[in-house]
């Protein structure tokens, strides 16, 4: 039995509106970008292309690649259907830098706890 299965970043299953989250790109198409949220057990979320950047849509596939991660802000959460809408363009560089430092620290703590419980 794995004792670390229930360890998560946060108590809530879904982020709250206006929270910052770490999003990893899994798919890019003409309308939206699909991402997973590692902090929330890799649940899926979506970023509409008009919420990604002010860059012309035709250049987005050159700038954003599958596997890259970005800090995004939560716009909407439907916890019944499991839909989460995000925006990247409404996150300032300062907010992103602070969030990444916090994310890395939290990730290290989770790893330490899991390592301790598995030994």
Protein backbone atom coordinates (compact mmCIF):
# COMPACT_ATOMS: atom_id res chain seq x y z
CA UNK A 1 0.00 0.00 0.00
CA UNK A 2 1.38 3.37 -0.99
CA UNK A 3 1.00 5.78 1.93
CA UNK A 4 1.78 8.84 -0.17
CA UNK A 5 -1.08 8.55 -2.66
CA UNK A 6 -3.29 11.09 -0.85
CA UNK A 7 -0.58 13.76 -0.47
CA UNK A 8 -1.47 16.84 -2.50
CA UNK A 9 -0.33 20.44 -2.80
CA UNK A 10 -3.66 21.81 -1.59
CA UNK A 11 -6.67 20.58 0.38
CA UNK A 12 -9.15 21.57 -2.33
CA UNK A 13 -9.68 19.45 -5.42
CA UNK A 14 -10.00 22.47 -7.72
CA UNK A 15 -8.35 25.91 -7.68
CA UNK A 16 -10.41 28.98 -6.85
CA UNK A 17 -11.18 31.83 -9.25
CA UNK A 18 -8.25 34.30 -9.41
CA UNK A 19 -5.73 31.76 -8.02
CA UNK A 20 -2.41 31.35 -9.78
CA UNK A 21 -1.63 27.83 -11.00
CA UNK A 22 1.22 26.06 -12.76
CA UNK A 23 0.00 24.80 -16.14
CA UNK A 24 1.79 22.32 -18.43
CA UNK A 25 0.76 22.31 -22.11
CA UNK A 26 -0.57 19.00 -23.47
CA UNK A 27 -2.29 20.13 -26.69
CA UNK A 28 -2.44 23.20 -28.92
CA UNK A 29 -5.12 23.72 -31.54
CA UNK A 30 -6.72 26.63 -33.42
CA UNK A 31 -9.14 27.57 -30.63
CA UNK A 32 -7.52 26.76 -27.28
CA UNK A 33 -4.57 25.23 -25.45
CA UNK A 34 -5.17 22.22 -23.20
CA UNK A 35 -3.01 22.02 -20.07
CA UNK A 36 -2.70 19.90 -16.95
CA UNK A 37 -2.29 21.30 -13.45
CA UNK A 38 0.42 19.33 -11.59
CA UNK A 39 -0.57 20.91 -8.25
CA UNK A 40 -4.07 19.50 -8.59
CA UNK A 41 -3.25 15.88 -9.51
CA UNK A 42 -2.84 16.71 -13.21
CA UNK A 43 -6.45 17.70 -13.81
CA UNK A 44 -7.10 19.27 -17.21
CA UNK A 45 -7.76 22.93 -17.84
CA UNK A 46 -8.10 25.10 -20.92
CA UNK A 47 -6.72 28.44 -22.09
CA UNK A 48 -8.61 30.09 -24.93
CA UNK A 49 -6.18 31.55 -27.47
CA UNK A 50 -7.35 35.11 -26.80
CA UNK A 51 -6.28 34.59 -23.14
CA UNK A 52 -2.81 33.30 -24.02
CA UNK A 53 -1.11 36.34 -25.42
CA UNK A 54 -1.46 39.44 -27.50
CA UNK A 55 0.73 37.74 -30.12
CA UNK A 56 -0.90 36.99 -33.46
CA UNK A 57 -2.52 33.54 -33.34
CA UNK A 58 -0.51 32.22 -36.28
CA UNK A 59 2.72 32.62 -34.24
CA UNK A 60 1.45 30.90 -31.09
CA UNK A 61 2.56 27.39 -32.13
CA UNK A 62 6.09 28.71 -32.58
CA UNK A 63 6.13 30.35 -29.14
CA UNK A 64 4.18 27.78 -27.10
CA UNK A 65 5.23 24.12 -27.24
CA UNK A 66 3.73 20.93 -25.81
CA UNK A 67 5.47 20.13 -22.53
CA UNK A 68 6.26 23.75 -21.62
CA UNK A 69 4.88 25.09 -18.33
CA UNK A 70 3.53 28.53 -17.52
CA UNK A 71 1.96 30.35 -14.60
CA UNK A 72 -1.70 31.13 -15.30
CA UNK A 73 -4.62 32.74 -13.48
CA UNK A 74 -7.91 30.91 -12.96
CA UNK A 75 -10.83 32.63 -14.70
CA UNK A 76 -13.63 30.14 -14.12
CA UNK A 77 -14.13 26.82 -12.33
CA UNK A 78 -17.05 24.46 -12.81
CA UNK A 79 -16.34 21.86 -10.13
CA UNK A 80 -19.43 19.84 -11.10
CA UNK A 81 -18.33 19.29 -14.71
CA UNK A 82 -14.61 19.66 -13.93
CA UNK A 83 -14.02 22.56 -16.36
CA UNK A 84 -11.32 25.07 -15.54
CA UNK A 85 -10.64 28.14 -17.70
CA UNK A 86 -7.29 29.91 -17.40
CA UNK A 87 -5.59 33.05 -18.66
CA UNK A 88 -1.89 33.58 -19.16
CA UNK A 89 -1.93 37.18 -20.29
CA UNK A 90 -3.39 38.46 -16.99
CA UNK A 91 -0.36 37.32 -14.97
CA UNK A 92 2.39 39.89 -14.41
CA UNK A 93 6.07 38.95 -14.57
CA UNK A 94 6.46 39.74 -10.85
CA UNK A 95 3.50 37.51 -9.92
CA UNK A 96 4.92 34.73 -12.07
CA UNK A 97 8.40 34.94 -10.49
CA UNK A 98 7.02 34.87 -6.94
CA UNK A 99 4.67 32.00 -7.77
CA UNK A 100 7.42 29.88 -9.38
CA UNK A 101 9.61 30.23 -6.26
CA UNK A 102 6.67 29.17 -4.07
CA UNK A 103 5.84 26.27 -6.42
CA UNK A 104 9.42 24.95 -6.37
CA UNK A 105 9.53 25.15 -2.56
CA UNK A 106 6.19 23.33 -2.23
CA UNK A 107 7.34 20.67 -4.69
CA UNK A 108 10.47 20.03 -2.60
CA UNK A 109 8.42 19.75 0.59
CA UNK A 110 6.00 17.27 -1.01
CA UNK A 111 8.94 15.20 -2.26
CA UNK A 112 10.54 15.15 1.21
CA UNK A 113 7.28 14.04 2.81
CA UNK A 114 6.75 11.32 0.21
CA UNK A 115 10.34 10.07 0.57
CA UNK A 116 9.97 10.00 4.37
CA UNK A 117 6.67 8.09 4.27
CA UNK A 118 7.95 5.56 1.71
CA UNK A 119 10.97 4.63 3.86
